[in-house]
Protein backbone atom coordinates (compact mmCIF):
# COMPACT_ATOMS: atom_id res chain seq x y z
CA UNK A 1 18.96 31.00 -29.75
CA UNK A 2 16.57 28.22 -28.70
CA UNK A 3 16.37 26.37 -25.41
CA UNK A 4 15.75 22.65 -25.15
CA UNK A 5 14.23 21.35 -21.91
CA UNK A 6 12.94 17.88 -21.13
CA UNK A 7 12.04 15.53 -18.32
CA UNK A 8 14.70 12.88 -17.78
CA UNK A 9 14.23 9.17 -17.18
CA UNK A 10 12.22 7.52 -15.83
CA UNK A 11 9.46 9.06 -17.90
CA UNK A 12 6.77 8.87 -16.66
CA UNK A 13 7.87 9.12 -13.04
CA UNK A 14 5.85 6.61 -10.99
CA UNK A 15 4.74 7.27 -7.39
CA UNK A 16 2.35 5.64 -4.97
CA UNK A 17 -0.22 7.87 -3.23
CA UNK A 18 1.54 9.79 -0.45
CA UNK A 19 5.03 8.93 -1.72
CA UNK A 20 7.95 11.32 -2.30
CA UNK A 21 10.33 11.03 -5.23
CA UNK A 22 12.64 13.14 -7.40
CA UNK A 23 12.51 13.64 -11.14
CA UNK A 24 15.19 14.98 -13.47
CA UNK A 25 15.16 17.96 -15.84
CA UNK A 26 17.72 18.33 -18.63
CA UNK A 27 18.39 21.67 -20.36
CA UNK A 28 20.65 22.84 -23.18
CA UNK A 29 20.71 25.66 -25.72
CA UNK A 30 21.36 25.97 -29.44
CA UNK A 31 24.30 28.23 -30.19
CA UNK A 32 26.46 29.98 -27.60
CA UNK A 33 26.23 28.96 -23.93
CA UNK A 34 24.05 31.08 -21.62
CA UNK A 35 25.11 32.31 -18.20
CA UNK A 36 23.24 31.41 -15.01
CA UNK A 37 19.98 33.12 -14.07
CA UNK A 38 17.38 31.89 -16.55
CA UNK A 39 14.11 31.05 -14.75
CA UNK A 40 12.83 27.49 -15.05
CA UNK A 41 9.17 26.99 -14.17
CA UNK A 42 7.78 23.61 -13.16
CA UNK A 43 4.03 23.03 -13.27
CA UNK A 44 2.86 19.79 -11.67
CA UNK A 45 -0.39 17.98 -12.53
CA UNK A 46 -3.40 17.66 -10.24
CA UNK A 47 -2.71 15.38 -7.30
CA UNK A 48 1.03 16.07 -7.18
CA UNK A 49 2.87 18.89 -5.38
CA UNK A 50 6.32 20.25 -4.71
CA UNK A 51 6.43 19.59 -0.93
CA UNK A 52 7.08 22.47 1.49
CA UNK A 53 10.39 20.89 2.53
CA UNK A 54 11.27 19.78 -1.00
CA UNK A 55 14.59 20.51 -2.67
CA UNK A 56 15.79 21.42 -6.13
CA UNK A 57 19.39 20.38 -6.79
CA UNK A 58 21.80 20.86 -9.64
CA UNK A 59 23.82 17.71 -10.32
CA UNK A 60 26.73 17.02 -12.65
CA UNK A 61 28.08 13.56 -12.03
CA UNK A 62 31.13 14.06 -14.26
CA UNK A 63 32.38 17.01 -12.23
CA UNK A 64 31.03 15.83 -8.87
CA UNK A 65 28.58 18.73 -8.47
CA UNK A 66 25.54 18.12 -6.27
CA UNK A 67 24.21 21.28 -4.69
CA UNK A 68 20.82 22.66 -3.66
CA UNK A 69 19.41 25.68 -5.49
CA UNK A 70 17.31 28.45 -3.96
CA UNK A 71 13.62 28.46 -4.84
CA UNK A 72 12.53 31.71 -6.46
CA UNK A 73 8.81 31.14 -5.80
CA UNK A 74 6.35 28.40 -4.98
CA UNK A 75 2.60 28.74 -5.37
CA UNK A 76 0.62 28.11 -2.15
CA UNK A 77 -0.96 24.94 -3.59
CA UNK A 78 2.52 23.57 -4.33
CA UNK A 79 1.84 22.78 -7.97
CA UNK A 80 3.96 25.59 -9.44
CA UNK A 81 7.59 26.24 -8.53
CA UNK A 82 10.30 28.42 -10.11
CA UNK A 83 14.07 28.44 -9.78
CA UNK A 84 17.11 29.90 -11.56
CA UNK A 85 19.09 27.71 -13.90
CA UNK A 86 22.85 27.31 -13.72
CA UNK A 87 24.91 28.17 -16.81
CA UNK A 88 23.42 26.38 -19.83
CA UNK A 89 25.68 24.87 -22.48
CA UNK A 90 24.96 23.67 -26.02
CA UNK A 91 24.65 20.08 -24.81
CA UNK A 92 23.23 18.57 -21.59
CA UNK A 93 26.09 18.90 -19.10
CA UNK A 94 24.15 18.19 -15.92
CA UNK A 95 20.58 17.97 -14.71
CA UNK A 96 18.21 19.33 -12.09
CA UNK A 97 16.64 17.04 -9.48
CA UNK A 98 13.22 18.23 -8.31
CA UNK A 99 11.22 16.77 -5.43
CA UNK A 100 7.62 15.76 -6.07
CA UNK A 101 5.00 14.22 -3.80
CA UNK A 102 1.79 12.43 -4.72
CA UNK A 103 -1.01 13.47 -2.38
CA UNK A 104 -2.27 10.65 -0.12
CA UNK A 105 -5.71 10.80 -1.78
CA UNK A 106 -4.36 10.98 -5.36
CA UNK A 107 -6.33 8.75 -7.70
CA UNK A 108 -4.14 6.17 -9.50
CA UNK A 109 -3.57 6.89 -13.18
CA UNK A 110 -1.43 8.82 -15.66
CA UNK A 111 -0.87 12.57 -15.35
CA UNK A 112 0.55 14.74 -18.13
CA UNK A 113 1.01 18.52 -18.27
CA UNK A 114 1.75 19.80 -21.78
CA UNK A 115 3.53 22.92 -20.52
CA UNK A 116 4.89 21.35 -17.35
CA UNK A 117 8.38 22.75 -18.01
CA UNK A 118 9.04 26.30 -19.21
CA UNK A 119 12.28 28.20 -19.87
CA UNK A 120 12.11 31.38 -21.94
CA UNK A 121 9.64 30.72 -24.75
CA UNK A 122 10.26 26.95 -24.68
CA UNK A 123 7.79 24.53 -23.14
CA UNK A 124 7.92 20.78 -22.61
CA UNK A 125 5.59 18.25 -21.06
CA UNK A 126 5.84 16.51 -17.71
CA UNK A 127 4.54 12.97 -17.26
CA UNK A 128 3.76 11.13 -14.03
CA UNK A 129 1.93 8.00 -13.07
CA UNK A 130 0.26 7.47 -9.71
CA UNK A 131 0.26 3.73 -9.06
CA UNK A 132 -2.18 1.79 -6.96
CA UNK A 133 -1.10 1.55 -3.30
CA UNK A 134 1.09 -1.51 -2.80
CA UNK A 135 0.49 -4.02 0.02
CA UNK A 136 2.64 -3.65 3.12
CA UNK A 137 3.93 -6.25 5.55
CA UNK A 138 1.80 -6.73 8.65
CA UNK A 139 2.49 -8.77 11.78
CA UNK A 140 -0.13 -9.70 14.32
CA UNK A 141 0.97 -11.60 17.41
CA UNK A 142 -0.03 -12.34 20.97
CA UNK A 143 -0.62 -14.84 23.75
CA UNK A 144 -4.03 -16.43 24.25
CA UNK A 145 -5.12 -18.12 27.46
CA UNK A 146 -6.91 -21.43 27.82
CA UNK A 147 -10.26 -19.60 28.05
CA UNK A 148 -9.51 -17.65 24.84
CA UNK A 149 -8.67 -14.59 26.91
CA UNK A 150 -6.05 -12.30 25.38
CA UNK A 151 -3.04 -12.22 27.67
CA UNK A 152 -0.97 -10.01 25.39
CA UNK A 153 -1.05 -8.59 21.88
CA UNK A 154 -3.49 -6.57 19.81
CA UNK A 155 -5.06 -6.48 16.37
CA UNK A 156 -7.15 -9.61 16.89
CA UNK A 157 -9.92 -11.25 18.88
CA UNK A 158 -10.12 -14.88 20.01
CA UNK A 159 -12.91 -17.33 20.83
CA UNK A 160 -12.95 -20.92 22.07
CA UNK A 161 -15.10 -23.19 19.92
CA UNK A 162 -15.23 -26.26 22.12
CA UNK A 163 -12.79 -29.06 23.04
CA UNK A 164 -9.48 -27.82 21.58
CA UNK A 165 -10.52 -25.33 18.94
CA UNK A 166 -9.63 -21.65 19.04
CA UNK A 167 -10.48 -19.13 16.34
CA UNK A 168 -8.40 -15.98 15.99
CA UNK A 169 -10.03 -13.17 13.99
CA UNK A 170 -7.76 -10.42 12.68
CA UNK A 171 -9.06 -6.89 13.21
CA UNK A 172 -7.90 -5.94 9.69
CA UNK A 173 -7.85 -8.49 6.91
CA UNK A 174 -4.68 -9.53 5.12
CA UNK A 175 -4.67 -9.34 1.32
CA UNK A 176 -3.80 -13.06 1.16
CA UNK A 177 -3.66 -15.76 3.87
CA UNK A 178 -0.71 -14.98 6.16
CA UNK A 179 1.85 -17.40 7.53
CA UNK A 180 0.79 -18.36 11.06
CA UNK A 181 3.02 -20.02 13.65
CA UNK A 182 1.72 -21.08 17.08
CA UNK A 183 3.50 -22.61 20.08
CA UNK A 184 2.47 -23.72 23.53
CA UNK A 185 2.55 -21.22 26.38
CA UNK A 186 2.30 -23.97 28.99
CA UNK A 187 6.02 -24.71 29.21
CA UNK A 188 5.73 -28.41 28.35
CA UNK A 189 7.80 -30.03 25.62
CA UNK A 190 5.03 -32.49 24.79
CA UNK A 191 2.12 -30.04 24.49
CA UNK A 192 0.66 -29.92 20.98
CA UNK A 193 -0.38 -26.74 19.18
CA UNK A 194 -1.51 -27.07 15.57
CA UNK A 195 -2.45 -24.41 13.03
CA UNK A 196 -5.47 -26.09 11.46
CA UNK A 197 -6.51 -23.44 8.98
CA UNK A 198 -5.76 -19.89 7.85
CA UNK A 199 -7.70 -17.36 5.79
CA UNK A 200 -7.27 -13.64 5.17
CA UNK A 201 -9.36 -12.90 8.27
CA UNK A 202 -9.00 -15.87 10.64
CA UNK A 203 -6.68 -18.58 11.93
CA UNK A 204 -7.91 -21.80 13.55
CA UNK A 205 -5.71 -23.33 16.25
CA UNK A 206 -6.02 -26.80 17.86
CA UNK A 207 -4.34 -27.59 21.18
CA UNK A 208 -3.70 -30.86 23.02
CA UNK A 209 -2.47 -31.64 26.52
CA UNK A 210 0.83 -33.28 27.40
CA UNK A 211 -0.89 -36.68 27.40
CA UNK A 212 -2.01 -36.19 23.83
CA UNK A 213 -5.64 -35.54 24.75
CA UNK A 214 -7.28 -32.71 22.82
CA UNK A 215 -8.10 -29.87 25.17
CA UNK A 216 -7.73 -26.17 25.59
CA UNK A 217 -4.28 -24.84 26.41
CA UNK A 218 -2.69 -21.38 26.39
CA UNK A 219 -0.53 -20.59 23.36
CA UNK A 220 1.52 -17.93 21.61
CA UNK A 221 1.05 -17.11 17.92
CA UNK A 222 2.28 -14.80 15.19
CA UNK A 223 0.71 -14.11 11.80
CA UNK A 224 2.87 -12.53 9.07
CA UNK A 225 1.66 -11.46 5.65
CA UNK A 226 0.69 -8.64 3.30
CA UNK A 227 -2.08 -6.16 4.00
CA UNK A 228 -3.51 -3.06 2.40
CA UNK A 229 -1.57 0.10 3.38
CA UNK A 230 -3.05 2.22 6.12
CA UNK A 231 -4.89 5.21 4.67
């Protein structure tokens, strides 16, 4: 009798630092089926853990089974977890879904453990990939007075540069120039507010009075774009 155990697709499992996911394990046996109770051990690579609130589930989509399994043991560092297998047939009839979390400080790159899966005398490797953190959407918005005073909003500073020029500086840079929209806060349909320039760190706004004369006026703005995820 020989067990076969393998990580399911996707292989490698890809996670961002700090992210939770689930990976699949498939098991079958040569010869006669085996009753439930065989211990499956999962060893995770450095930088990944089985979270304290994580679950292991047995799933068989053909028969509609989807149930959690008790955890036999979990090492304090979370990298080693053991559970009892359901009945094992001579072909893959279902799979196990196991939670995994990449630590927030995990260095991007591939991770492979040669003996990541063990049942009986059979071992099989586990493969993961920690991806680089992906940009997240950020919005910065507020209302700026005619003297460049911040009436509302946060995440930026503002200065008046003379005549009609205001410069907004974002507290945290965007990864690429955001989309910036600005409108008058004066309540006049003929007031002019123009976004003159945008970079990853600043936005330049020009304002003009109702008569069309360039001058400083209060305005609202919003900047929307991608930024590095918060550590």
